[in-house]
């Protein structure tokens, strides 16, 4: 079998309109569930998609306009070539501090010394 025959066999089992019918069924189900028209649901989905595209465009523009972040991304993407696997993805949020690792003891200047220091008895002074 050739590559094209495999593709033909794959697509022969599926209608090219399956995604459309699934989307229409989803619109109907949501409209009935919420008690609104199908047009309103479709308009809300379009607005949400547009807002997502705009936010992604703004996020991408911020990344492109920041040369320091671009350098960090380049180092992160090339970590396989440089062998520096310890790099964190600069686009990930910073790790949150672990509250259980907070210090609960006395500060280092106030710690007790073990064994406690003995005072020098009188007469032993030089």
PDB file of N, CA and C in Angstrom:
ATOM      1  N   UNK A   1       0.828  -1.176   0.000  1.00  0.00           N
ATOM      2  CA  UNK A   1       0.000   0.000   0.000  1.00  0.00           C
ATOM      3  C   UNK A   1       0.877   1.245   0.000  1.00  0.00           C
ATOM      4  N   UNK A   2       0.481   2.205  -0.738  1.00  0.00           N
ATOM      5  CA  UNK A   2       1.238   3.448  -0.784  1.00  0.00           C
ATOM      6  C   UNK A   2       0.674   4.424   0.242  1.00  0.00           C
ATOM      7  N   UNK A   3       1.387   5.486   0.392  1.00  0.00           N
ATOM      8  CA  UNK A   3       0.980   6.526   1.341  1.00  0.00           C
ATOM      9  C   UNK A   3      -0.374   7.110   0.969  1.00  0.00           C
ATOM     10  N   UNK A   4      -0.590   7.376  -0.309  1.00  0.00           N
ATOM     11  CA  UNK A   4      -1.856   7.965  -0.753  1.00  0.00           C
ATOM     12  C   UNK A   4      -3.016   6.988  -0.543  1.00  0.00           C
ATOM     13  N   UNK A   5      -2.775   5.704  -0.732  1.00  0.00           N
ATOM     14  CA  UNK A   5      -3.835   4.731  -0.497  1.00  0.00           C
ATOM     15  C   UNK A   5      -4.226   4.713   0.982  1.00  0.00           C
ATOM     16  N   UNK A   6      -3.235   4.854   1.857  1.00  0.00           N
ATOM     17  CA  UNK A   6      -3.528   4.909   3.293  1.00  0.00           C
ATOM     18  C   UNK A   6      -4.400   6.122   3.610  1.00  0.00           C
ATOM     19  N   UNK A   7      -4.062   7.275   3.021  1.00  0.00           N
ATOM     20  CA  UNK A   7      -4.870   8.472   3.244  1.00  0.00           C
ATOM     21  C   UNK A   7      -6.281   8.302   2.684  1.00  0.00           C
ATOM     22  N   UNK A   8      -6.370   7.725   1.510  1.00  0.00           N
ATOM     23  CA  UNK A   8      -7.690   7.498   0.912  1.00  0.00           C
ATOM     24  C   UNK A   8      -8.534   6.592   1.811  1.00  0.00           C
ATOM     25  N   UNK A   9      -7.923   5.529   2.334  1.00  0.00           N
ATOM     26  CA  UNK A   9      -8.654   4.625   3.215  1.00  0.00           C
ATOM     27  C   UNK A   9      -9.082   5.335   4.493  1.00  0.00           C
ATOM     28  N   UNK A  10      -8.225   6.184   5.013  1.00  0.00           N
ATOM     29  CA  UNK A  10      -8.545   6.906   6.243  1.00  0.00           C
ATOM     30  C   UNK A  10      -9.723   7.849   6.039  1.00  0.00           C
ATOM     31  N   UNK A  11      -9.675   8.638   4.968  1.00  0.00           N
ATOM     32  CA  UNK A  11     -10.725   9.622   4.738  1.00  0.00           C
ATOM     33  C   UNK A  11     -12.005   9.017   4.167  1.00  0.00           C
ATOM     34  N   UNK A  12     -11.920   7.836   3.598  1.00  0.00           N
ATOM     35  CA  UNK A  12     -13.108   7.195   3.059  1.00  0.00           C
ATOM     36  C   UNK A  12     -14.085   6.850   4.185  1.00  0.00           C
ATOM     37  N   UNK A  13     -13.560   6.546   5.361  1.00  0.00           N
ATOM     38  CA  UNK A  13     -14.411   6.182   6.485  1.00  0.00           C
ATOM     39  C   UNK A  13     -15.029   7.367   7.195  1.00  0.00           C
ATOM     40  N   UNK A  14     -14.684   8.578   6.814  1.00  0.00           N
ATOM     41  CA  UNK A  14     -15.193   9.762   7.497  1.00  0.00           C
ATOM     42  C   UNK A  14     -15.828  10.718   6.495  1.00  0.00           C
ATOM     43  N   UNK A  15     -16.901  11.326   6.934  1.00  0.00           N
ATOM     44  CA  UNK A  15     -17.516  12.347   6.104  1.00  0.00           C
ATOM     45  C   UNK A  15     -16.743  13.644   6.296  1.00  0.00           C
ATOM     46  N   UNK A  16     -16.617  14.432   5.263  1.00  0.00           N
ATOM     47  CA  UNK A  16     -15.928  15.708   5.385  1.00  0.00           C
ATOM     48  C   UNK A  16     -16.774  16.726   6.134  1.00  0.00           C
ATOM     49  N   UNK A  17     -18.025  16.372   6.397  1.00  0.00           N
ATOM     50  CA  UNK A  17     -18.923  17.295   7.091  1.00  0.00           C
ATOM     51  C   UNK A  17     -19.176  16.887   8.538  1.00  0.00           C
ATOM     52  N   UNK A  18     -18.479  15.869   9.041  1.00  0.00           N
ATOM     53  CA  UNK A  18     -18.709  15.409  10.411  1.00  0.00           C
ATOM     54  C   UNK A  18     -18.461  16.521  11.429  1.00  0.00           C
ATOM     55  N   UNK A  19     -17.404  17.298  11.234  1.00  0.00           N
ATOM     56  CA  UNK A  19     -17.101  18.364  12.186  1.00  0.00           C
ATOM     57  C   UNK A  19     -18.213  19.409  12.209  1.00  0.00           C
ATOM     58  N   UNK A  20     -18.795  19.678  11.022  1.00  0.00           N
ATOM     59  CA  UNK A  20     -19.876  20.667  10.918  1.00  0.00           C
ATOM     60  C   UNK A  20     -21.114  20.190  11.673  1.00  0.00           C
ATOM     61  N   UNK A  21     -21.463  18.935  11.467  1.00  0.00           N
ATOM     62  CA  UNK A  21     -22.638  18.385  12.142  1.00  0.00           C
ATOM     63  C   UNK A  21     -22.412  18.336  13.658  1.00  0.00           C
ATOM     64  N   UNK A  22     -21.213  18.028  14.080  1.00  0.00           N
ATOM     65  CA  UNK A  22     -20.909  18.008  15.513  1.00  0.00           C
ATOM     66  C   UNK A  22     -21.017  19.411  16.113  1.00  0.00           C
ATOM     67  N   UNK A  23     -20.564  20.415  15.386  1.00  0.00           N
ATOM     68  CA  UNK A  23     -20.650  21.798  15.857  1.00  0.00           C
ATOM     69  C   UNK A  23     -22.107  22.254  15.941  1.00  0.00           C
ATOM     70  N   UNK A  24     -22.913  21.940  14.949  1.00  0.00           N
ATOM     71  CA  UNK A  24     -24.336  22.308  14.960  1.00  0.00           C
ATOM     72  C   UNK A  24     -25.049  21.611  16.117  1.00  0.00           C
ATOM     73  N   UNK A  25     -24.761  20.328  16.318  1.00  0.00           N
ATOM     74  CA  UNK A  25     -25.377  19.602  17.436  1.00  0.00           C
ATOM     75  C   UNK A  25     -24.977  20.226  18.772  1.00  0.00           C
ATOM     76  N   UNK A  26     -23.726  20.645  18.880  1.00  0.00           N
ATOM     77  CA  UNK A  26     -23.252  21.289  20.102  1.00  0.00           C
ATOM     78  C   UNK A  26     -23.962  22.618  20.330  1.00  0.00           C
ATOM     79  N   UNK A  27     -24.151  23.406  19.252  1.00  0.00           N
ATOM     80  CA  UNK A  27     -24.873  24.675  19.360  1.00  0.00           C
ATOM     81  C   UNK A  27     -26.317  24.446  19.819  1.00  0.00           C
ATOM     82  N   UNK A  28     -26.975  23.455  19.218  1.00  0.00           N
ATOM     83  CA  UNK A  28     -28.358  23.139  19.597  1.00  0.00           C
ATOM     84  C   UNK A  28     -28.435  22.746  21.071  1.00  0.00           C
ATOM     85  N   UNK A  29     -27.549  21.863  21.501  1.00  0.00           N
ATOM     86  CA  UNK A  29     -27.584  21.381  22.883  1.00  0.00           C
ATOM     87  C   UNK A  29     -27.362  22.528  23.869  1.00  0.00           C
ATOM     88  N   UNK A  30     -26.396  23.400  23.592  1.00  0.00           N
ATOM     89  CA  UNK A  30     -26.129  24.516  24.500  1.00  0.00           C
ATOM     90  C   UNK A  30     -27.287  25.508  24.510  1.00  0.00           C
ATOM     91  N   UNK A  31     -27.876  25.769  23.344  1.00  0.00           N
ATOM     92  CA  UNK A  31     -28.998  26.713  23.267  1.00  0.00           C
ATOM     93  C   UNK A  31     -30.198  26.184  24.056  1.00  0.00           C
ATOM     94  N   UNK A  32     -30.493  24.911  23.923  1.00  0.00           N
ATOM     95  CA  UNK A  32     -31.616  24.323  24.661  1.00  0.00           C
ATOM     96  C   UNK A  32     -31.328  24.344  26.158  1.00  0.00           C
ATOM     97  N   UNK A  33     -30.105  23.999  26.538  1.00  0.00           N
ATOM     98  CA  UNK A  33     -29.729  23.951  27.956  1.00  0.00           C
ATOM     99  C   UNK A  33     -29.846  25.329  28.613  1.00  0.00           C
ATOM    100  N   UNK A  34     -29.430  26.366  27.895  1.00  0.00           N
ATOM    101  CA  UNK A  34     -29.437  27.718  28.457  1.00  0.00           C
ATOM    102  C   UNK A  34     -30.739  28.467  28.183  1.00  0.00           C
ATOM    103  N   UNK A  35     -31.554  27.972  27.270  1.00  0.00           N
ATOM    104  CA  UNK A  35     -32.808  28.631  26.951  1.00  0.00           C
ATOM    105  C   UNK A  35     -32.642  29.884  26.106  1.00  0.00           C
ATOM    106  N   UNK A  36     -31.640  29.897  25.220  1.00  0.00           N
ATOM    107  CA  UNK A  36     -31.394  31.027  24.331  1.00  0.00           C
ATOM    108  C   UNK A  36     -31.425  30.525  22.888  1.00  0.00           C
ATOM    109  N   UNK A  37     -31.296  31.459  21.945  1.00  0.00           N
ATOM    110  CA  UNK A  37     -31.322  31.059  20.537  1.00  0.00           C
ATOM    111  C   UNK A  37     -29.959  30.524  20.114  1.00  0.00           C
ATOM    112  N   UNK A  38     -29.984  29.771  19.044  1.00  0.00           N
ATOM    113  CA  UNK A  38     -28.742  29.221  18.494  1.00  0.00           C
ATOM    114  C   UNK A  38     -27.845  30.351  18.000  1.00  0.00           C
ATOM    115  N   UNK A  39     -28.433  31.383  17.423  1.00  0.00           N
ATOM    116  CA  UNK A  39     -27.643  32.530  16.941  1.00  0.00           C
ATOM    117  C   UNK A  39     -26.896  33.214  18.085  1.00  0.00           C
ATOM    118  N   UNK A  40     -27.569  33.324  19.234  1.00  0.00           N
ATOM    119  CA  UNK A  40     -26.912  33.958  20.372  1.00  0.00           C
ATOM    120  C   UNK A  40     -25.722  33.125  20.839  1.00  0.00           C
ATOM    121  N   UNK A  41     -25.887  31.812  20.900  1.00  0.00           N
ATOM    122  CA  UNK A  41     -24.780  30.934  21.302  1.00  0.00           C
ATOM    123  C   UNK A  41     -23.641  31.040  20.297  1.00  0.00           C
ATOM    124  N   UNK A  42     -23.965  31.034  19.007  1.00  0.00           N
ATOM    125  CA  UNK A  42     -22.928  31.136  17.970  1.00  0.00           C
ATOM    126  C   UNK A  42     -22.203  32.476  18.067  1.00  0.00           C
ATOM    127  N   UNK A  43     -22.956  33.568  18.315  1.00  0.00           N
ATOM    128  CA  UNK A  43     -22.326  34.889  18.436  1.00  0.00           C
ATOM    129  C   UNK A  43     -21.407  34.939  19.648  1.00  0.00           C
ATOM    130  N   UNK A  44     -21.823  34.348  20.760  1.00  0.00           N
ATOM    131  CA  UNK A  44     -20.977  34.325  21.956  1.00  0.00           C
ATOM    132  C   UNK A  44     -19.698  33.537  21.708  1.00  0.00           C
ATOM    133  N   UNK A  45     -19.817  32.426  21.008  1.00  0.00           N
ATOM    134  CA  UNK A  45     -18.622  31.634  20.690  1.00  0.00           C
ATOM    135  C   UNK A  45     -17.676  32.408  19.779  1.00  0.00           C
ATOM    136  N   UNK A  46     -18.244  33.138  18.812  1.00  0.00           N
ATOM    137  CA  UNK A  46     -17.397  33.949  17.927  1.00  0.00           C
ATOM    138  C   UNK A  46     -16.691  35.046  18.708  1.00  0.00           C
ATOM    139  N   UNK A  47     -17.410  35.702  19.618  1.00  0.00           N
ATOM    140  CA  UNK A  47     -16.793  36.749  20.439  1.00  0.00           C
ATOM    141  C   UNK A  47     -15.684  36.184  21.315  1.00  0.00           C
ATOM    142  N   UNK A  48     -15.927  35.008  21.886  1.00  0.00           N
ATOM    143  CA  UNK A  48     -14.911  34.376  22.734  1.00  0.00           C
ATOM    144  C   UNK A  48     -13.674  34.010  21.903  1.00  0.00           C
ATOM    145  N   UNK A  49     -13.892  33.495  20.707  1.00  0.00           N
ATOM    146  CA  UNK A  49     -12.765  33.145  19.837  1.00  0.00           C
ATOM    147  C   UNK A  49     -11.979  34.388  19.434  1.00  0.00           C
ATOM    148  N   UNK A  50     -12.684  35.472  19.131  1.00  0.00           N
ATOM    149  CA  UNK A  50     -12.019  36.718  18.763  1.00  0.00           C
ATOM    150  C   UNK A  50     -11.216  37.275  19.943  1.00  0.00           C
ATOM    151  N   UNK A  51     -11.808  37.257  21.137  1.00  0.00           N
ATOM    152  CA  UNK A  51     -11.094  37.738  22.326  1.00  0.00           C
ATOM    153  C   UNK A  51      -9.851  36.902  22.589  1.00  0.00           C
ATOM    154  N   UNK A  52      -9.946  35.580  22.388  1.00  0.00           N
ATOM    155  CA  UNK A  52      -8.778  34.707  22.576  1.00  0.00           C
ATOM    156  C   UNK A  52      -7.682  35.058  21.568  1.00  0.00           C
ATOM    157  N   UNK A  53      -8.054  35.237  20.309  1.00  0.00           N
ATOM    158  CA  UNK A  53      -7.058  35.577  19.283  1.00  0.00           C
ATOM    159  C   UNK A  53      -6.393  36.913  19.584  1.00  0.00           C
ATOM    160  N   UNK A  54      -7.170  37.889  20.046  1.00  0.00           N
ATOM    161  CA  UNK A  54      -6.597  39.196  20.381  1.00  0.00           C
ATOM    162  C   UNK A  54      -5.647  39.102  21.574  1.00  0.00           C
ATOM    163  N   UNK A  55      -6.028  38.338  22.594  1.00  0.00           N
ATOM    164  CA  UNK A  55      -5.145  38.206  23.757  1.00  0.00           C
ATOM    165  C   UNK A  55      -3.857  37.477  23.379  1.00  0.00           C
ATOM    166  N   UNK A  56      -3.960  36.478  22.512  1.00  0.00           N
ATOM    167  CA  UNK A  56      -2.755  35.781  22.061  1.00  0.00           C
ATOM    168  C   UNK A  56      -1.867  36.697  21.225  1.00  0.00           C
ATOM    169  N   UNK A  57      -2.480  37.548  20.401  1.00  0.00           N
ATOM    170  CA  UNK A  57      -1.696  38.494  19.606  1.00  0.00           C
ATOM    171  C   UNK A  57      -0.974  39.486  20.520  1.00  0.00           C
ATOM    172  N   UNK A  58      -1.653  39.958  21.569  1.00  0.00           N
ATOM    173  CA  UNK A  58      -1.013  40.878  22.518  1.00  0.00           C
ATOM    174  C   UNK A  58       0.119  40.185  23.274  1.00  0.00           C
ATOM    175  N   UNK A  59      -0.120  38.943  23.700  1.00  0.00           N
ATOM    176  CA  UNK A  59       0.921  38.195  24.423  1.00  0.00           C
ATOM    177  C   UNK A  59       2.140  37.967  23.539  1.00  0.00           C
ATOM    178  N   UNK A  60       1.903  37.625  22.284  1.00  0.00           N
ATOM    179  CA  UNK A  60       3.004  37.404  21.346  1.00  0.00           C
ATOM    180  C   UNK A  60       3.767  38.696  21.096  1.00  0.00           C
ATOM    181  N   UNK A  61       3.051  39.807  20.975  1.00  0.00           N
ATOM    182  CA  UNK A  61       3.714  41.099  20.759  1.00  0.00           C
ATOM    183  C   UNK A  61       4.581  41.470  21.965  1.00  0.00           C
ATOM    184  N   UNK A  62       4.106  41.186  23.176  1.00  0.00           N
ATOM    185  CA  UNK A  62       4.906  41.462  24.373  1.00  0.00           C
ATOM    186  C   UNK A  62       6.186  40.631  24.380  1.00  0.00           C
ATOM    187  N   UNK A  63       6.087  39.378  23.963  1.00  0.00           N
ATOM    188  CA  UNK A  63       7.271  38.507  23.925  1.00  0.00           C
ATOM    189  C   UNK A  63       8.261  39.022  22.889  1.00  0.00           C
ATOM    190  N   UNK A  64       7.768  39.381  21.711  1.00  0.00           N
ATOM    191  CA  UNK A  64       8.641  39.831  20.626  1.00  0.00           C
ATOM    192  C   UNK A  64       9.304  41.158  20.978  1.00  0.00           C
ATOM    193  N   UNK A  65       8.601  42.012  21.721  1.00  0.00           N
ATOM    194  CA  UNK A  65       9.148  43.321  22.074  1.00  0.00           C
ATOM    195  C   UNK A  65      10.116  43.278  23.253  1.00  0.00           C
ATOM    196  N   UNK A  66      10.334  42.121  23.848  1.00  0.00           N
ATOM    197  CA  UNK A  66      11.211  41.992  25.005  1.00  0.00           C
ATOM    198  C   UNK A  66      12.471  41.218  24.613  1.00  0.00           C
ATOM    199  N   UNK A  67      13.581  41.901  24.295  1.00  0.00           N
ATOM    200  CA  UNK A  67      14.774  41.190  23.829  1.00  0.00           C
ATOM    201  C   UNK A  67      15.371  40.264  24.888  1.00  0.00           C
ATOM    202  N   UNK A  68      15.267  40.619  26.152  1.00  0.00           N
ATOM    203  CA  UNK A  68      15.793  39.743  27.205  1.00  0.00           C
ATOM    204  C   UNK A  68      15.049  38.421  27.256  1.00  0.00           C
ATOM    205  N   UNK A  69      13.722  38.481  27.138  1.00  0.00           N
ATOM    206  CA  UNK A  69      12.919  37.262  27.133  1.00  0.00           C
ATOM    207  C   UNK A  69      13.202  36.431  25.892  1.00  0.00           C
ATOM    208  N   UNK A  70      13.424  37.094  24.764  1.00  0.00           N
ATOM    209  CA  UNK A  70      13.757  36.351  23.539  1.00  0.00           C
ATOM    210  C   UNK A  70      15.071  35.596  23.693  1.00  0.00           C
ATOM    211  N   UNK A  71      16.067  36.226  24.348  1.00  0.00           N
ATOM    212  CA  UNK A  71      17.336  35.528  24.594  1.00  0.00           C
ATOM    213  C   UNK A  71      17.131  34.319  25.496  1.00  0.00           C
ATOM    214  N   UNK A  72      16.315  34.483  26.543  1.00  0.00           N
ATOM    215  CA  UNK A  72      16.040  33.368  27.439  1.00  0.00           C
ATOM    216  C   UNK A  72      15.321  32.236  26.700  1.00  0.00           C
ATOM    217  N   UNK A  73      14.375  32.598  25.840  1.00  0.00           N
ATOM    218  CA  UNK A  73      13.669  31.571  25.067  1.00  0.00           C
ATOM    219  C   UNK A  73      14.618  30.844  24.122  1.00  0.00           C
ATOM    220  N   UNK A  74      15.527  31.586  23.509  1.00  0.00           N
ATOM    221  CA  UNK A  74      16.482  30.957  22.595  1.00  0.00           C
ATOM    222  C   UNK A  74      17.358  29.965  23.349  1.00  0.00           C
ATOM    223  N   UNK A  75      17.821  30.362  24.538  1.00  0.00           N
ATOM    224  CA  UNK A  75      18.628  29.438  25.353  1.00  0.00           C
ATOM    225  C   UNK A  75      17.796  28.225  25.760  1.00  0.00           C
ATOM    226  N   UNK A  76      16.526  28.439  26.106  1.00  0.00           N
ATOM    227  CA  UNK A  76      15.660  27.334  26.507  1.00  0.00           C
ATOM    228  C   UNK A  76      15.429  26.379  25.341  1.00  0.00           C
ATOM    229  N   UNK A  77      15.159  26.926  24.152  1.00  0.00           N
ATOM    230  CA  UNK A  77      14.903  26.078  22.992  1.00  0.00           C
ATOM    231  C   UNK A  77      16.147  25.316  22.557  1.00  0.00           C
ATOM    232  N   UNK A  78      17.338  25.892  22.774  1.00  0.00           N
ATOM    233  CA  UNK A  78      18.578  25.245  22.356  1.00  0.00           C
ATOM    234  C   UNK A  78      19.205  24.418  23.467  1.00  0.00           C
ATOM    235  N   UNK A  79      18.483  24.167  24.560  1.00  0.00           N
ATOM    236  CA  UNK A  79      19.087  23.464  25.692  1.00  0.00           C
ATOM    237  C   UNK A  79      19.513  22.049  25.332  1.00  0.00           C
ATOM    238  N   UNK A  80      18.868  21.445  24.335  1.00  0.00           N
ATOM    239  CA  UNK A  80      19.285  20.109  23.903  1.00  0.00           C
ATOM    240  C   UNK A  80      20.635  20.145  23.217  1.00  0.00           C
ATOM    241  N   UNK A  81      20.934  21.238  22.530  1.00  0.00           N
ATOM    242  CA  UNK A  81      22.217  21.365  21.849  1.00  0.00           C
ATOM    243  C   UNK A  81      23.337  21.724  22.815  1.00  0.00           C
ATOM    244  N   UNK A  82      22.990  22.512  23.846  1.00  0.00           N
ATOM    245  CA  UNK A  82      24.016  22.953  24.792  1.00  0.00           C
ATOM    246  C   UNK A  82      24.141  22.011  25.983  1.00  0.00           C
ATOM    247  N   UNK A  83      23.157  21.147  26.187  1.00  0.00           N
ATOM    248  CA  UNK A  83      23.201  20.214  27.308  1.00  0.00           C
ATOM    249  C   UNK A  83      22.789  20.844  28.631  1.00  0.00           C
ATOM    250  N   UNK A  84      22.231  22.036  28.595  1.00  0.00           N
ATOM    251  CA  UNK A  84      21.816  22.728  29.817  1.00  0.00           C
ATOM    252  C   UNK A  84      20.346  22.410  30.086  1.00  0.00           C
ATOM    253  N   UNK A  85      20.081  21.228  30.633  1.00  0.00           N
ATOM    254  CA  UNK A  85      18.711  20.770  30.834  1.00  0.00           C
ATOM    255  C   UNK A  85      18.064  21.381  32.068  1.00  0.00           C
ATOM    256  N   UNK A  86      18.787  22.124  32.876  1.00  0.00           N
ATOM    257  CA  UNK A  86      18.228  22.699  34.082  1.00  0.00           C
ATOM    258  C   UNK A  86      17.477  23.996  33.857  1.00  0.00           C
ATOM    259  N   UNK A  87      17.434  24.476  32.626  1.00  0.00           N
ATOM    260  CA  UNK A  87      16.748  25.746  32.358  1.00  0.00           C
ATOM    261  C   UNK A  87      15.245  25.589  32.491  1.00  0.00           C
ATOM    262  N   UNK A  88      14.614  26.583  33.080  1.00  0.00           N
ATOM    263  CA  UNK A  88      13.162  26.621  33.220  1.00  0.00           C
ATOM    264  C   UNK A  88      12.589  27.417  32.058  1.00  0.00           C
ATOM    265  N   UNK A  89      11.420  27.015  31.585  1.00  0.00           N
ATOM    266  CA  UNK A  89      10.768  27.728  30.488  1.00  0.00           C
ATOM    267  C   UNK A  89      10.444  29.144  30.968  1.00  0.00           C
ATOM    268  N   UNK A  90      10.979  30.186  30.308  1.00  0.00           N
ATOM    269  CA  UNK A  90      10.741  31.549  30.778  1.00  0.00           C
ATOM    270  C   UNK A  90       9.290  31.993  30.652  1.00  0.00           C
ATOM    271  N   UNK A  91       8.472  31.289  29.886  1.00  0.00           N
ATOM    272  CA  UNK A  91       7.065  31.659  29.754  1.00  0.00           C
ATOM    273  C   UNK A  91       6.207  31.049  30.861  1.00  0.00           C
ATOM    274  N   UNK A  92       6.741  30.061  31.589  1.00  0.00           N
ATOM    275  CA  UNK A  92       6.001  29.471  32.700  1.00  0.00           C
ATOM    276  C   UNK A  92       5.969  30.451  33.864  1.00  0.00           C
ATOM    277  N   UNK A  93       4.902  30.412  34.651  1.00  0.00           N
ATOM    278  CA  UNK A  93       4.871  31.301  35.820  1.00  0.00           C
ATOM    279  C   UNK A  93       5.940  30.889  36.828  1.00  0.00           C
ATOM    280  N   UNK A  94       6.426  31.820  37.627  1.00  0.00           N
ATOM    281  CA  UNK A  94       7.459  31.469  38.600  1.00  0.00           C
ATOM    282  C   UNK A  94       6.905  30.493  39.628  1.00  0.00           C
ATOM    283  N   UNK A  95       7.764  29.635  40.160  1.00  0.00           N
ATOM    284  CA  UNK A  95       7.281  28.657  41.144  1.00  0.00           C
ATOM    285  C   UNK A  95       6.834  29.369  42.421  1.00  0.00           C
ATOM    286  N   UNK A  96       5.800  28.826  43.031  1.00  0.00           N
ATOM    287  CA  UNK A  96       5.301  29.410  44.274  1.00  0.00           C
ATOM    288  C   UNK A  96       6.169  28.936  45.429  1.00  0.00           C
ATOM    289  N   UNK A  97       6.414  29.791  46.404  1.00  0.00           N
ATOM    290  CA  UNK A  97       7.235  29.368  47.527  1.00  0.00           C
ATOM    291  C   UNK A  97       6.510  28.308  48.357  1.00  0.00           C
ATOM    292  N   UNK A  98       7.287  27.390  48.886  1.00  0.00           N
ATOM    293  CA  UNK A  98       6.739  26.302  49.682  1.00  0.00           C
ATOM    294  C   UNK A  98       6.528  26.803  51.109  1.00  0.00           C
ATOM    295  N   UNK A  99       5.277  26.904  51.594  1.00  0.00           N
ATOM    296  CA  UNK A  99       5.056  27.457  52.935  1.00  0.00           C
ATOM    297  C   UNK A  99       5.603  26.560  54.045  1.00  0.00           C
ATOM    298  N   UNK A 100       5.709  25.251  53.792  1.00  0.00           N
ATOM    299  CA  UNK A 100       6.216  24.364  54.833  1.00  0.00           C
ATOM    300  C   UNK A 100       7.719  24.522  55.020  1.00  0.00           C
ATOM    301  N   UNK A 101       8.390  25.144  54.063  1.00  0.00           N
ATOM    302  CA  UNK A 101       9.835  25.314  54.157  1.00  0.00           C
ATOM    303  C   UNK A 101      10.209  26.617  54.849  1.00  0.00           C
ATOM    304  N   UNK A 102       9.209  27.338  55.374  1.00  0.00           N
ATOM    305  CA  UNK A 102       9.531  28.603  56.021  1.00  0.00           C
ATOM    306  C   UNK A 102      10.250  28.343  57.333  1.00  0.00           C
ATOM    307  N   UNK A 103      11.034  29.312  57.750  1.00  0.00           N
ATOM    308  CA  UNK A 103      11.811  29.159  58.977  1.00  0.00           C
ATOM    309  C   UNK A 103      10.901  29.386  60.166  1.00  0.00           C
ATOM    310  N   UNK A 104      10.999  28.491  61.122  1.00  0.00           N
ATOM    311  CA  UNK A 104      10.185  28.639  62.323  1.00  0.00           C
ATOM    312  C   UNK A 104      11.038  28.827  63.560  1.00  0.00           C
ATOM    313  N   UNK A 105      12.311  28.594  63.444  1.00  0.00           N
ATOM    314  CA  UNK A 105      13.201  28.694  64.599  1.00  0.00           C
ATOM    315  C   UNK A 105      13.708  30.101  64.810  1.00  0.00           C
ATOM    316  N   UNK A 106      14.547  30.228  65.812  1.00  0.00           N
ATOM    317  CA  UNK A 106      15.149  31.523  66.120  1.00  0.00           C
ATOM    318  C   UNK A 106      16.129  31.909  65.026  1.00  0.00           C
ATOM    319  N   UNK A 107      16.358  33.195  64.829  1.00  0.00           N
ATOM    320  CA  UNK A 107      17.342  33.594  63.831  1.00  0.00           C
ATOM    321  C   UNK A 107      18.731  33.122  64.234  1.00  0.00           C
ATOM    322  N   UNK A 108      19.621  33.099  63.269  1.00  0.00           N
ATOM    323  CA  UNK A 108      20.946  32.522  63.516  1.00  0.00           C
ATOM    324  C   UNK A 108      21.702  33.262  64.620  1.00  0.00           C
ATOM    325  N   UNK A 109      21.464  34.554  64.793  1.00  0.00           N
ATOM    326  CA  UNK A 109      22.183  35.276  65.846  1.00  0.00           C
ATOM    327  C   UNK A 109      21.654  34.920  67.228  1.00  0.00           C
ATOM    328  N   UNK A 110      20.477  34.305  67.329  1.00  0.00           N
ATOM    329  CA  UNK A 110      19.909  33.983  68.619  1.00  0.00           C
ATOM    330  C   UNK A 110      19.908  32.508  68.938  1.00  0.00           C
ATOM    331  N   UNK A 111      20.610  31.712  68.149  1.00  0.00           N
ATOM    332  CA  UNK A 111      20.569  30.276  68.411  1.00  0.00           C
ATOM    333  C   UNK A 111      21.389  29.921  69.641  1.00  0.00           C
ATOM    334  N   UNK A 112      21.033  28.841  70.246  1.00  0.00           N
ATOM    335  CA  UNK A 112      21.771  28.404  71.435  1.00  0.00           C
ATOM    336  C   UNK A 112      22.990  27.616  70.996  1.00  0.00           C
ATOM    337  N   UNK A 113      24.004  27.677  71.793  1.00  0.00           N
ATOM    338  CA  UNK A 113      25.255  26.998  71.477  1.00  0.00           C
ATOM    339  C   UNK A 113      25.328  25.748  72.330  1.00  0.00           C
ATOM    340  N   UNK A 114      25.679  24.657  71.734  1.00  0.00           N
ATOM    341  CA  UNK A 114      25.777  23.411  72.476  1.00  0.00           C
ATOM    342  C   UNK A 114      27.222  22.941  72.440  1.00  0.00           C
ATOM    343  N   UNK A 115      27.880  22.661  73.508  1.00  0.00           N
ATOM    344  CA  UNK A 115      27.477  22.900  74.902  1.00  0.00           C
ATOM    345  C   UNK A 115      27.605  24.378  75.219  1.00  0.00           C
ATOM    346  N   UNK A 116      26.845  24.840  76.233  1.00  0.00           N
ATOM    347  CA  UNK A 116      26.917  26.260  76.573  1.00  0.00           C
ATOM    348  C   UNK A 116      28.312  26.660  77.029  1.00  0.00           C
ATOM    349  N   UNK A 117      28.691  27.879  76.767  1.00  0.00           N
ATOM    350  CA  UNK A 117      30.010  28.355  77.153  1.00  0.00           C
ATOM    351  C   UNK A 117      30.083  28.508  78.664  1.00  0.00           C
ATOM    352  N   UNK A 118      31.217  28.153  79.206  1.00  0.00           N
ATOM    353  CA  UNK A 118      31.436  28.276  80.640  1.00  0.00           C
ATOM    354  C   UNK A 118      32.141  29.611  80.916  1.00  0.00           C
ATOM    355  N   UNK A 119      31.731  30.206  81.974  1.00  0.00           N
ATOM    356  CA  UNK A 119      32.457  31.433  82.342  1.00  0.00           C
ATOM    357  C   UNK A 119      33.808  31.031  82.915  1.00  0.00           C
ATOM    358  N   UNK A 120      34.790  31.873  82.752  1.00  0.00           N
ATOM    359  CA  UNK A 120      36.143  31.584  83.245  1.00  0.00           C
ATOM    360  C   UNK A 120      36.165  31.814  84.750  1.00  0.00           C
ATOM    361  N   UNK A 121      36.570  30.791  85.512  1.00  0.00           N
ATOM    362  CA  UNK A 121      36.615  30.966  86.970  1.00  0.00           C
ATOM    363  C   UNK A 121      37.624  32.040  87.358  1.00  0.00           C
ATOM    364  N   UNK A 122      37.358  32.750  88.480  1.00  0.00           N
ATOM    365  CA  UNK A 122      38.315  33.773  88.902  1.00  0.00           C
ATOM    366  C   UNK A 122      39.665  33.141  89.222  1.00  0.00           C
ATOM    367  N   UNK A 123      40.682  33.814  88.912  1.00  0.00           N
ATOM    368  CA  UNK A 123      42.032  33.301  89.137  1.00  0.00           C
ATOM    369  C   UNK A 123      42.606  32.616  87.912  1.00  0.00           C
ATOM    370  N   UNK A 124      41.814  32.274  86.999  1.00  0.00           N
ATOM    371  CA  UNK A 124      42.315  31.644  85.782  1.00  0.00           C
ATOM    372  C   UNK A 124      42.625  32.690  84.717  1.00  0.00           C
ATOM    373  N   UNK A 125      42.319  33.890  84.975  1.00  0.00           N
ATOM    374  CA  UNK A 125      42.545  34.934  83.969  1.00  0.00           C
ATOM    375  C   UNK A 125      44.031  35.218  83.847  1.00  0.00           C
ATOM    376  N   UNK A 126      44.440  35.536  82.750  1.00  0.00           N
ATOM    377  CA  UNK A 126      45.849  35.817  82.516  1.00  0.00           C
ATOM    378  C   UNK A 126      46.185  37.230  82.749  1.00  0.00           C
TER     379      UNK A 126
END
